[in-house]
N, C-alpha and C. Protein backbone atom coordinates (compact mmCIF):
# COMPACT_ATOMS: atom_id res chain seq x y z
N MET A 1 3.08 -12.50 -1.98
CA MET A 1 3.36 -11.14 -2.37
C MET A 1 3.74 -10.36 -1.12
N LYS A 2 4.72 -9.53 -1.26
CA LYS A 2 5.29 -8.86 -0.09
C LYS A 2 4.88 -7.40 0.00
N TRP A 3 4.85 -6.94 1.25
CA TRP A 3 4.56 -5.54 1.56
C TRP A 3 5.68 -5.02 2.44
N VAL A 4 5.87 -3.72 2.45
CA VAL A 4 6.90 -3.10 3.29
C VAL A 4 6.27 -1.91 4.02
N THR A 5 6.71 -1.67 5.24
CA THR A 5 6.26 -0.51 6.01
C THR A 5 7.41 0.49 6.04
N PHE A 6 7.08 1.74 5.77
CA PHE A 6 8.10 2.77 5.64
C PHE A 6 7.61 4.03 6.32
N GLN A 7 8.49 4.74 7.03
CA GLN A 7 8.16 6.04 7.58
C GLN A 7 9.29 7.01 7.31
N ARG A 8 8.97 8.12 6.71
CA ARG A 8 9.96 9.17 6.50
C ARG A 8 10.10 9.97 7.78
N ILE A 9 11.26 10.51 8.04
CA ILE A 9 11.52 11.26 9.28
C ILE A 9 10.57 12.44 9.42
N GLU A 10 10.30 13.14 8.34
CA GLU A 10 9.47 14.34 8.40
C GLU A 10 7.97 14.06 8.29
N ASP A 11 7.57 12.80 8.26
CA ASP A 11 6.17 12.42 8.08
C ASP A 11 5.66 11.68 9.31
N ALA A 12 4.49 12.04 9.78
CA ALA A 12 3.90 11.37 10.95
C ALA A 12 3.25 10.04 10.58
N HIS A 13 3.05 9.80 9.29
CA HIS A 13 2.39 8.58 8.85
C HIS A 13 3.38 7.45 8.55
N PHE A 14 2.93 6.23 8.77
CA PHE A 14 3.62 5.05 8.28
C PHE A 14 2.97 4.71 6.95
N HIS A 15 3.76 4.27 5.98
CA HIS A 15 3.24 3.89 4.67
C HIS A 15 3.45 2.39 4.46
N VAL A 16 2.37 1.70 4.16
CA VAL A 16 2.43 0.27 3.86
C VAL A 16 2.33 0.16 2.33
N MET A 17 3.45 -0.28 1.71
CA MET A 17 3.53 -0.29 0.25
C MET A 17 3.84 -1.68 -0.27
N PRO A 18 3.27 -2.05 -1.41
CA PRO A 18 3.57 -3.35 -2.01
C PRO A 18 4.96 -3.35 -2.64
N LEU A 19 5.68 -4.44 -2.45
CA LEU A 19 6.99 -4.62 -3.08
C LEU A 19 6.81 -5.31 -4.43
N ASP A 20 7.69 -5.02 -5.35
CA ASP A 20 7.69 -5.65 -6.68
C ASP A 20 6.35 -5.50 -7.40
N ASP A 21 5.71 -4.33 -7.25
CA ASP A 21 4.47 -4.06 -7.96
C ASP A 21 4.81 -3.73 -9.41
N LEU A 22 3.81 -3.61 -10.25
CA LEU A 22 4.02 -3.29 -11.66
C LEU A 22 4.57 -1.88 -11.85
N ARG A 23 4.37 -1.03 -10.85
CA ARG A 23 4.89 0.34 -10.88
C ARG A 23 5.37 0.68 -9.46
N GLY A 24 6.46 1.39 -9.36
CA GLY A 24 7.02 1.74 -8.05
C GLY A 24 6.15 2.72 -7.28
N HIS A 25 6.24 2.65 -5.95
CA HIS A 25 5.46 3.52 -5.08
C HIS A 25 6.39 4.50 -4.37
N PHE A 26 5.81 5.62 -3.92
CA PHE A 26 6.54 6.63 -3.18
C PHE A 26 5.91 6.77 -1.81
N PRO A 27 6.70 6.82 -0.74
CA PRO A 27 6.13 6.92 0.61
C PRO A 27 5.60 8.32 0.90
N HIS A 28 4.56 8.69 0.18
CA HIS A 28 3.98 10.02 0.32
C HIS A 28 2.48 9.92 0.05
N ASP A 29 1.72 10.82 0.62
CA ASP A 29 0.26 10.79 0.45
C ASP A 29 -0.19 11.02 -0.99
N ASP A 30 0.65 11.65 -1.81
CA ASP A 30 0.26 11.92 -3.19
C ASP A 30 0.87 10.91 -4.18
N CYS A 31 1.14 9.69 -3.73
CA CYS A 31 1.61 8.61 -4.61
C CYS A 31 0.55 8.37 -5.68
N TRP A 32 0.96 7.89 -6.84
CA TRP A 32 0.07 7.65 -7.97
C TRP A 32 -1.10 6.72 -7.63
N CYS A 33 -0.94 5.85 -6.63
CA CYS A 33 -1.97 4.85 -6.31
C CYS A 33 -3.07 5.39 -5.40
N CYS A 34 -2.97 6.65 -5.00
CA CYS A 34 -3.95 7.28 -4.11
C CYS A 34 -4.12 6.49 -2.82
N PRO A 35 -3.07 6.42 -1.99
CA PRO A 35 -3.14 5.65 -0.75
C PRO A 35 -4.26 6.16 0.16
N SER A 36 -4.81 5.24 0.95
CA SER A 36 -5.88 5.61 1.86
C SER A 36 -5.46 5.33 3.30
N GLU A 37 -6.07 6.09 4.20
CA GLU A 37 -5.75 5.91 5.61
C GLU A 37 -6.41 4.63 6.12
N ASP A 38 -5.67 3.86 6.89
CA ASP A 38 -6.19 2.62 7.44
C ASP A 38 -7.35 2.93 8.38
N GLU A 39 -8.42 2.15 8.30
CA GLU A 39 -9.61 2.40 9.12
C GLU A 39 -9.35 2.17 10.61
N GLU A 40 -8.49 1.21 10.93
CA GLU A 40 -8.24 0.86 12.33
C GLU A 40 -7.09 1.66 12.94
N THR A 41 -6.13 2.07 12.12
CA THR A 41 -4.95 2.78 12.62
C THR A 41 -4.79 4.07 11.80
N PRO A 42 -5.25 5.19 12.34
CA PRO A 42 -5.28 6.45 11.59
C PRO A 42 -3.94 6.97 11.06
N ASN A 43 -2.82 6.64 11.67
CA ASN A 43 -1.55 7.18 11.18
C ASN A 43 -0.87 6.24 10.18
N VAL A 44 -1.61 5.28 9.63
CA VAL A 44 -1.07 4.35 8.65
C VAL A 44 -1.74 4.58 7.30
N MET A 45 -0.92 4.83 6.27
CA MET A 45 -1.42 5.01 4.91
C MET A 45 -1.17 3.72 4.14
N VAL A 46 -2.21 3.15 3.55
CA VAL A 46 -2.09 1.90 2.82
C VAL A 46 -2.12 2.21 1.33
N HIS A 47 -1.06 1.81 0.64
CA HIS A 47 -0.97 2.02 -0.80
C HIS A 47 -1.67 0.87 -1.53
N HIS A 48 -2.15 1.15 -2.73
CA HIS A 48 -2.92 0.18 -3.50
C HIS A 48 -2.07 -0.36 -4.65
N ALA A 49 -2.00 -1.68 -4.74
CA ALA A 49 -1.15 -2.32 -5.74
C ALA A 49 -1.78 -2.30 -7.13
N MET A 50 -0.97 -2.03 -8.12
CA MET A 50 -1.42 -2.04 -9.50
C MET A 50 -1.71 -3.47 -9.97
N ASP A 51 -1.02 -4.45 -9.37
CA ASP A 51 -1.22 -5.84 -9.79
C ASP A 51 -2.42 -6.51 -9.11
N ALA A 52 -3.22 -5.75 -8.38
CA ALA A 52 -4.47 -6.22 -7.75
C ALA A 52 -4.26 -7.31 -6.72
N ARG A 53 -3.11 -7.32 -6.05
CA ARG A 53 -2.82 -8.37 -5.06
C ARG A 53 -3.78 -8.36 -3.88
N GLU A 54 -4.38 -7.21 -3.58
CA GLU A 54 -5.33 -7.15 -2.47
C GLU A 54 -6.51 -8.10 -2.71
N ALA A 55 -6.98 -8.19 -3.93
CA ALA A 55 -8.11 -9.06 -4.26
C ALA A 55 -7.73 -10.52 -4.08
N PHE A 56 -6.51 -10.89 -4.41
CA PHE A 56 -6.05 -12.27 -4.22
C PHE A 56 -5.87 -12.58 -2.74
N GLU A 57 -5.31 -11.63 -1.98
CA GLU A 57 -5.06 -11.85 -0.57
C GLU A 57 -6.34 -11.93 0.25
N SER A 58 -7.38 -11.23 -0.17
CA SER A 58 -8.65 -11.27 0.55
C SER A 58 -9.51 -12.45 0.14
N GLY A 59 -9.13 -13.13 -0.95
CA GLY A 59 -9.91 -14.26 -1.45
C GLY A 59 -11.01 -13.83 -2.42
N GLU A 60 -11.11 -12.54 -2.68
CA GLU A 60 -12.10 -12.01 -3.61
C GLU A 60 -11.83 -12.50 -5.04
N ARG A 61 -10.58 -12.72 -5.35
CA ARG A 61 -10.18 -13.14 -6.69
C ARG A 61 -9.25 -14.35 -6.55
N LEU A 62 -9.41 -15.32 -7.42
CA LEU A 62 -8.59 -16.52 -7.38
C LEU A 62 -7.61 -16.54 -8.55
N PRO A 63 -6.42 -17.12 -8.34
CA PRO A 63 -5.46 -17.22 -9.46
C PRO A 63 -6.05 -18.03 -10.61
N SER A 64 -5.74 -17.64 -11.82
CA SER A 64 -6.27 -18.39 -12.98
C SER A 64 -5.32 -19.46 -13.42
C-alpha cells in the first residue's frame, strides 16, 4: 500500500496521505480523516486511511 508526501505552498506542514484509499484525502488539517501531527516530526501531519492499512503495516492485523 502506498503513501504520498505533499506540501502546499501556503502551508508549513507536510502531509503524509494514503494513495488509493477508499475515500480521497485533502492536504489540509481539516481533512475528513482527522490527521494527527507526527510525534517525532512536529511539522508532519499523518492522515489516517479508511481501509485500515496502518493496522496491517504495523502487524496489528493480518490479511484474511
